[in-house]
Amino acid sequence: MRETTLERRLVREVERIGGLVPKWTSPGNRGVPDRIVILPGGETVYVEMKAPGKPLAPLQEHWKRKLLKLGHRHYKIDSNEDIDRFIDEVRGS
């Protein structure tokens, strides 16, 4: 399965629960997560999409640590199961 296929499914599933999933680009800040997930109730979550089995790159790990240290949630998603778990968690299941 390709990363783009997973990314499209994530967008569909988040929109189904009333959220938004804009692509995030930040010029001059390589390694930022691919997507910002904006959820109902004022919550924002950061998601790095990867092809199945691919690890985070060093700059992506750096951003993950920075975001977690600031109290944000960060997810690496590389499978349909990860998407299902993510949706369950952000819905409070």
C-alpha atoms as a PDB file:
ATOM      1  CA  MET A   1       0.000   0.000   0.000  1.00  0.00           C
ATOM      2  CA  ARG A   2       1.250   3.467  -0.848  1.00  0.00           C
ATOM      3  CA  GLU A   3       1.591   6.398   1.525  1.00  0.00           C
ATOM      4  CA  THR A   4      -0.783   8.479  -0.627  1.00  0.00           C
ATOM      5  CA  THR A   5      -3.488   5.798  -0.343  1.00  0.00           C
ATOM      6  CA  LEU A   6      -3.195   5.831   3.438  1.00  0.00           C
ATOM      7  CA  GLU A   7      -3.188   9.629   3.476  1.00  0.00           C
ATOM      8  CA  ARG A   8      -6.442   9.798   1.492  1.00  0.00           C
ATOM      9  CA  ARG A   9      -8.075   7.330   3.887  1.00  0.00           C
ATOM     10  CA  LEU A  10      -6.927   9.328   6.932  1.00  0.00           C
ATOM     11  CA  VAL A  11      -8.461  12.490   5.460  1.00  0.00           C
ATOM     12  CA  ARG A  12     -11.770  10.675   4.775  1.00  0.00           C
ATOM     13  CA  GLU A  13     -11.961   9.172   8.264  1.00  0.00           C
ATOM     14  CA  VAL A  14     -11.140  12.432  10.062  1.00  0.00           C
ATOM     15  CA  GLU A  15     -13.646  14.371   7.942  1.00  0.00           C
ATOM     16  CA  ARG A  16     -16.253  11.718   8.779  1.00  0.00           C
ATOM     17  CA  ILE A  17     -15.924  12.632  12.485  1.00  0.00           C
ATOM     18  CA  GLY A  18     -16.124  16.360  11.725  1.00  0.00           C
ATOM     19  CA  GLY A  19     -12.426  17.246  11.582  1.00  0.00           C
ATOM     20  CA  LEU A  20     -10.072  18.752   9.043  1.00  0.00           C
ATOM     21  CA  VAL A  21      -6.704  17.452   7.828  1.00  0.00           C
ATOM     22  CA  PRO A  22      -4.767  20.157   5.981  1.00  0.00           C
ATOM     23  CA  LYS A  23      -1.350  19.366   4.586  1.00  0.00           C
ATOM     24  CA  TRP A  24       1.322  21.203   6.556  1.00  0.00           C
ATOM     25  CA  THR A  25       4.303  22.812   4.915  1.00  0.00           C
ATOM     26  CA  SER A  26       6.581  25.150   6.780  1.00  0.00           C
ATOM     27  CA  PRO A  27       9.271  26.727   4.600  1.00  0.00           C
ATOM     28  CA  GLY A  28      12.621  26.654   6.344  1.00  0.00           C
ATOM     29  CA  ASN A  29      11.495  23.924   8.758  1.00  0.00           C
ATOM     30  CA  ARG A  30      12.278  20.581   7.160  1.00  0.00           C
ATOM     31  CA  GLY A  31      10.909  17.523   8.922  1.00  0.00           C
ATOM     32  CA  VAL A  32       7.638  18.985  10.187  1.00  0.00           C
ATOM     33  CA  PRO A  33       4.747  16.475  10.201  1.00  0.00           C
ATOM     34  CA  ASP A  34       2.801  15.996   6.951  1.00  0.00           C
ATOM     35  CA  ARG A  35      -0.616  16.783   8.365  1.00  0.00           C
ATOM     36  CA  ILE A  36      -2.257  18.844  11.066  1.00  0.00           C
ATOM     37  CA  VAL A  37      -5.441  17.169  12.262  1.00  0.00           C
ATOM     38  CA  ILE A  38      -7.926  19.763  13.531  1.00  0.00           C
ATOM     39  CA  LEU A  39     -10.605  18.078  15.609  1.00  0.00           C
ATOM     40  CA  PRO A  40     -13.953  19.244  16.952  1.00  0.00           C
ATOM     41  CA  GLY A  41     -13.615  20.686  20.441  1.00  0.00           C
ATOM     42  CA  GLY A  42     -10.462  22.675  19.715  1.00  0.00           C
ATOM     43  CA  GLU A  43      -7.895  19.870  19.663  1.00  0.00           C
ATOM     44  CA  THR A  44      -5.018  19.784  17.193  1.00  0.00           C
ATOM     45  CA  VAL A  45      -2.890  16.690  16.528  1.00  0.00           C
ATOM     46  CA  TYR A  46       0.190  16.283  14.339  1.00  0.00           C
ATOM     47  CA  VAL A  47       0.519  13.303  11.987  1.00  0.00           C
ATOM     48  CA  GLU A  48       3.468  12.033   9.988  1.00  0.00           C
ATOM     49  CA  MET A  49       2.364   9.720   7.174  1.00  0.00           C
ATOM     50  CA  LYS A  50       4.823   7.038   6.067  1.00  0.00           C
ATOM     51  CA  ALA A  51       4.828   4.174   3.609  1.00  0.00           C
ATOM     52  CA  PRO A  52       4.234   0.849   5.407  1.00  0.00           C
ATOM     53  CA  GLY A  53       7.224  -0.126   7.514  1.00  0.00           C
ATOM     54  CA  LYS A  54       9.179   3.073   6.882  1.00  0.00           C
ATOM     55  CA  PRO A  55      10.701   4.760   9.962  1.00  0.00           C
ATOM     56  CA  LEU A  56      10.748   8.455  10.733  1.00  0.00           C
ATOM     57  CA  ALA A  57      13.725  10.320   9.315  1.00  0.00           C
ATOM     58  CA  PRO A  58      16.063  11.991  11.852  1.00  0.00           C
ATOM     59  CA  LEU A  59      14.543  15.458  11.279  1.00  0.00           C
ATOM     60  CA  GLN A  60      11.064  13.990  11.684  1.00  0.00           C
ATOM     61  CA  GLU A  61      12.137  12.378  14.978  1.00  0.00           C
ATOM     62  CA  HIS A  62      13.478  15.769  16.043  1.00  0.00           C
ATOM     63  CA  TRP A  63      10.113  17.443  15.366  1.00  0.00           C
ATOM     64  CA  LYS A  64       8.251  14.616  17.108  1.00  0.00           C
ATOM     65  CA  ARG A  65      10.337  15.148  20.255  1.00  0.00           C
ATOM     66  CA  LYS A  66       9.838  18.933  20.108  1.00  0.00           C
ATOM     67  CA  LEU A  67       6.075  18.615  19.747  1.00  0.00           C
ATOM     68  CA  LEU A  68       5.758  16.000  22.501  1.00  0.00           C
ATOM     69  CA  LYS A  69       7.886  18.142  24.834  1.00  0.00           C
ATOM     70  CA  LEU A  70       5.474  21.033  24.241  1.00  0.00           C
ATOM     71  CA  GLY A  71       2.535  18.801  25.192  1.00  0.00           C
ATOM     72  CA  HIS A  72       1.196  18.072  21.703  1.00  0.00           C
ATOM     73  CA  ARG A  73       0.151  14.692  20.371  1.00  0.00           C
ATOM     74  CA  HIS A  74       2.162  13.303  17.452  1.00  0.00           C
ATOM     75  CA  TYR A  75       1.386  10.149  15.496  1.00  0.00           C
ATOM     76  CA  LYS A  76       3.298   8.226  12.868  1.00  0.00           C
ATOM     77  CA  ILE A  77       0.789   6.423  10.647  1.00  0.00           C
ATOM     78  CA  ASP A  78       1.904   3.745   8.191  1.00  0.00           C
ATOM     79  CA  SER A  79      -1.030   1.293   8.025  1.00  0.00           C
ATOM     80  CA  ASN A  80      -4.812   1.020   7.979  1.00  0.00           C
ATOM     81  CA  GLU A  81      -4.601  -0.354  11.518  1.00  0.00           C
ATOM     82  CA  ASP A  82      -2.776   2.808  12.603  1.00  0.00           C
ATOM     83  CA  ILE A  83      -5.576   4.894  11.079  1.00  0.00           C
ATOM     84  CA  ASP A  84      -8.218   2.856  12.920  1.00  0.00           C
ATOM     85  CA  ARG A  85      -6.329   3.232  16.229  1.00  0.00           C
ATOM     86  CA  PHE A  86      -5.855   6.955  15.627  1.00  0.00           C
ATOM     87  CA  ILE A  87      -9.573   7.522  14.968  1.00  0.00           C
ATOM     88  CA  ASP A  88     -10.511   5.502  18.071  1.00  0.00           C
ATOM     89  CA  GLU A  89      -8.111   7.524  20.221  1.00  0.00           C
ATOM     90  CA  VAL A  90      -9.145  10.962  18.990  1.00  0.00           C
ATOM     91  CA  ARG A  91     -12.825  10.051  19.363  1.00  0.00           C
ATOM     92  CA  GLY A  92     -12.144   9.052  22.954  1.00  0.00           C
ATOM     93  CA  SER A  93     -12.976   5.361  22.482  1.00  0.00           C
END
